Amino acid sequence: MSEKKYRDLVFEFTPQVTNWGDWCYSPQAYFRGDIDIPGSNYNVGFQIFQAPVYLEREPHFHREEEFLIFLGANMPNVFDFDAEIDFYIGEDIDKMEKYVLTKPTIIRIPPSMWHCPLNFKRVDKPIFFQAALMHGKFGSIKARQGKNGREFVYEGDGLRNCVFDGEKRCVYCGTCFRHLNEGEKK
């Protein structure tokens, strides 16, 4: 039997077991963009959050457009939503607006728009969360305090090694996130 002509355009999800913590159902599904289908300009994760978590503390931006999707995880009734999520967004990192999400919501983040922190303060019913970046490789630019003031750092796919095993590339398994956040109040 001959190989199908468009096989390289079809990606089958495989369960990705993660160690993020009890707040996030495991396994999860990810489409890692260019890694999974070369030439892709789309990168997305499919996650179910079951408990409060301060997911992203640092403001950052991407060079590409991003969409954040928040739905109730009670399929097919995605409007069965019982959570409170704090989210910040703005053109100026020092003057971002705070939004409190209490209903199913999608947020469009234009290229180079600062966003986050992102805090799932209350999760009384599971939430389906999806961060969809319109680029084949996931990466963000963060502002850090350096010796000479504010410095900008790019963090993205394939750039950092595992926190616990410096010989391995980070695969976003969540072990370091869990280790840093264990025992912290949300």
Protein backbone atom coordinates (compact mmCIF):
# COMPACT_ATOMS: atom_id res chain seq x y z
CA MET A 1 0.00 0.00 0.00
CA SER A 2 1.41 3.39 -0.95
CA GLU A 3 1.96 6.25 1.49
CA LYS A 4 -0.84 8.81 1.47
CA LYS A 5 0.00 12.09 -0.17
CA TYR A 6 -1.14 14.35 2.70
CA ARG A 7 -0.13 12.21 5.69
CA ASP A 8 2.23 14.97 6.85
CA LEU A 9 -0.80 17.26 7.36
CA VAL A 10 -2.54 14.90 9.80
CA PHE A 11 -1.48 14.84 13.46
CA GLU A 12 -2.92 12.33 15.91
CA PHE A 13 -2.91 13.48 19.54
CA THR A 14 -1.17 11.30 22.08
CA PRO A 15 -1.88 11.63 25.81
CA GLN A 16 0.78 13.75 27.51
CA VAL A 17 1.03 12.88 31.18
CA THR A 18 2.01 15.93 33.19
CA ASN A 19 2.95 16.72 36.77
CA TRP A 20 1.42 20.18 37.03
CA GLY A 21 -0.58 19.32 40.13
CA ASP A 22 -4.02 18.21 41.21
CA TRP A 23 -5.55 21.40 39.81
CA CYS A 24 -4.90 20.26 36.21
CA TYR A 25 -6.27 17.03 34.80
CA SER A 26 -3.65 14.70 33.33
CA PRO A 27 -3.10 13.53 30.66
CA GLN A 28 -3.44 16.61 28.48
CA ALA A 29 -3.39 17.12 24.72
CA TYR A 30 -1.05 19.51 22.96
CA PHE A 31 -0.37 20.50 19.39
CA ARG A 32 3.19 21.86 19.41
CA GLY A 33 2.87 23.58 16.05
CA ASP A 34 5.95 23.32 13.85
CA ILE A 35 7.28 20.45 15.97
CA ASP A 36 4.22 18.29 15.22
CA ILE A 37 3.44 19.47 11.68
CA PRO A 38 6.38 21.31 10.08
CA GLY A 39 5.37 24.66 8.65
CA SER A 40 2.44 25.16 11.06
CA ASN A 41 1.62 28.64 12.33
CA TYR A 42 -0.53 27.46 15.24
CA ASN A 43 0.38 26.15 18.69
CA VAL A 44 -2.24 25.08 21.25
CA GLY A 45 -2.86 23.10 24.42
CA PHE A 46 -6.09 21.50 25.59
CA GLN A 47 -6.29 21.50 29.39
CA ILE A 48 -8.93 20.93 32.07
CA PHE A 49 -8.39 22.92 35.28
CA GLN A 50 -10.07 21.44 38.35
CA ALA A 51 -8.95 23.76 41.16
CA PRO A 52 -7.55 27.27 41.69
CA VAL A 53 -4.04 28.00 40.41
CA TYR A 54 -1.99 31.13 39.81
CA LEU A 55 -1.00 30.00 36.35
CA GLU A 56 1.09 32.86 35.03
CA ARG A 57 2.55 35.50 37.34
CA GLU A 58 4.78 37.43 34.93
CA PRO A 59 3.47 39.82 32.29
CA HIS A 60 4.73 38.97 28.82
CA PHE A 61 3.96 39.40 25.13
CA HIS A 62 4.30 37.42 21.93
CA ARG A 63 5.25 38.69 18.49
CA GLU A 64 2.16 36.92 17.17
CA GLU A 65 -1.55 37.03 17.92
CA GLU A 66 -2.83 34.77 20.70
CA PHE A 67 -6.29 33.70 21.83
CA LEU A 68 -7.15 32.52 25.36
CA ILE A 69 -10.32 30.46 25.63
CA PHE A 70 -12.17 29.74 28.89
CA LEU A 71 -15.18 27.39 28.78
CA GLY A 72 -16.98 25.13 31.20
CA ALA A 73 -15.61 21.59 30.90
CA ASN A 74 -19.04 19.95 31.29
CA MET A 75 -19.42 18.87 27.66
CA PRO A 76 -21.59 19.57 25.75
CA ASN A 77 -22.81 22.37 28.08
CA VAL A 78 -19.76 24.65 27.94
CA PHE A 79 -21.85 27.38 29.61
CA ASP A 80 -21.84 25.40 32.87
CA PHE A 81 -19.15 27.74 34.19
CA ASP A 82 -18.48 28.38 37.88
CA ALA A 83 -15.12 30.10 38.29
CA GLU A 84 -13.44 33.45 38.86
CA ILE A 85 -10.33 34.23 36.86
CA ASP A 86 -8.22 37.41 37.04
CA PHE A 87 -6.49 38.50 33.84
CA TYR A 88 -4.46 41.61 32.94
CA ILE A 89 -3.86 43.16 29.52
CA GLY A 90 -2.50 46.41 28.11
CA GLU A 91 -0.12 48.15 25.71
CA ASP A 92 2.02 49.38 28.62
CA ILE A 93 3.31 46.83 31.13
CA ASP A 94 2.94 49.41 33.91
CA LYS A 95 -0.68 50.35 33.06
CA MET A 96 -2.51 47.11 32.32
CA GLU A 97 -6.25 46.67 32.86
CA LYS A 98 -7.62 43.94 35.08
CA TYR A 99 -10.51 41.76 33.89
CA VAL A 100 -12.41 39.34 36.12
CA LEU A 101 -13.84 36.44 34.11
CA THR A 102 -16.94 34.73 35.50
CA LYS A 103 -18.49 33.46 32.24
CA PRO A 104 -17.24 31.57 29.18
CA THR A 105 -14.86 33.99 27.48
CA ILE A 106 -12.38 34.30 24.63
CA ILE A 107 -9.65 36.93 24.75
CA ARG A 108 -7.84 38.11 21.62
CA ILE A 109 -4.34 39.31 22.36
CA PRO A 110 -2.86 41.29 19.43
CA PRO A 111 0.85 40.92 18.62
CA SER A 112 3.16 42.66 21.13
CA MET A 113 0.31 43.29 23.65
CA TRP A 114 1.36 42.79 27.27
CA HIS A 115 -0.79 40.30 29.18
CA CYS A 116 -0.87 38.38 32.45
CA PRO A 117 -0.82 37.73 35.36
CA LEU A 118 -3.44 35.00 34.91
CA ASN A 119 -4.92 33.72 38.16
CA PHE A 120 -7.62 31.05 38.35
CA LYS A 121 -8.75 32.33 41.80
CA ARG A 122 -11.83 30.16 42.18
CA VAL A 123 -12.69 27.00 40.25
CA ASP A 124 -15.86 25.39 41.60
CA LYS A 125 -16.53 23.46 38.36
CA PRO A 126 -13.83 22.28 35.92
CA ILE A 127 -12.72 24.75 33.26
CA PHE A 128 -11.57 23.95 29.74
CA PHE A 129 -8.61 26.27 29.03
CA GLN A 130 -6.92 26.77 25.71
CA ALA A 131 -4.07 29.11 24.81
CA ALA A 132 -3.78 29.28 21.02
CA LEU A 133 -0.75 31.09 19.62
CA MET A 134 -0.66 31.86 15.91
CA HIS A 135 2.93 30.71 15.51
CA GLY A 136 4.56 27.34 15.01
CA LYS A 137 6.85 27.71 18.01
CA PHE A 138 5.66 28.84 21.42
CA GLY A 139 7.62 31.69 22.93
CA SER A 140 7.15 34.87 24.94
CA ILE A 141 9.09 37.98 25.86
CA LYS A 142 9.20 38.87 29.54
CA ALA A 143 10.51 41.92 31.36
CA ARG A 144 12.99 41.19 34.12
CA GLN A 145 14.84 43.48 36.48
CA GLY A 146 18.53 43.48 35.57
CA LYS A 147 21.65 45.32 36.70
CA ASN A 148 20.86 48.28 34.45
CA GLY A 149 17.09 48.35 34.92
CA ARG A 150 14.45 46.50 32.96
CA GLU A 151 15.73 43.85 30.55
CA PHE A 152 13.73 41.78 28.09
CA VAL A 153 14.15 38.01 27.91
CA TYR A 154 12.81 35.61 25.28
CA GLU A 155 11.66 32.21 26.55
CA GLY A 156 10.38 29.61 24.15
CA ASP A 157 10.29 26.10 22.74
CA GLY A 158 13.64 24.39 22.58
CA LEU A 159 15.52 27.11 24.47
CA ARG A 160 15.68 25.89 28.03
CA ASN A 161 16.78 22.71 29.67
CA CYS A 162 14.90 20.81 32.36
CA VAL A 163 15.24 22.40 35.80
CA PHE A 164 15.86 19.00 37.40
CA ASP A 165 17.97 17.40 34.64
CA GLY A 166 20.05 20.02 32.86
CA GLU A 167 20.96 17.52 30.12
CA LYS A 168 17.33 17.25 28.88
CA ARG A 169 15.33 19.87 27.01
CA CYS A 170 12.24 21.17 28.84
CA VAL A 171 9.03 19.50 27.66
CA TYR A 172 6.74 21.55 29.91
CA CYS A 173 5.85 18.51 32.04
CA GLY A 174 4.97 20.78 34.95
CA THR A 175 7.24 19.25 37.59
CA CYS A 176 9.15 22.50 38.21
CA PHE A 177 5.91 24.52 38.30
CA ARG A 178 4.47 22.15 40.87
CA HIS A 179 7.66 22.19 42.93
CA LEU A 180 7.76 26.01 43.00
CA ASN A 181 4.06 26.37 43.83
CA GLU A 182 3.45 23.57 46.34
CA GLY A 183 1.98 24.91 49.52
CA GLU A 184 1.44 28.40 48.09
CA LYS A 185 -1.92 30.05 48.58
CA LYS A 186 -3.73 30.90 45.37
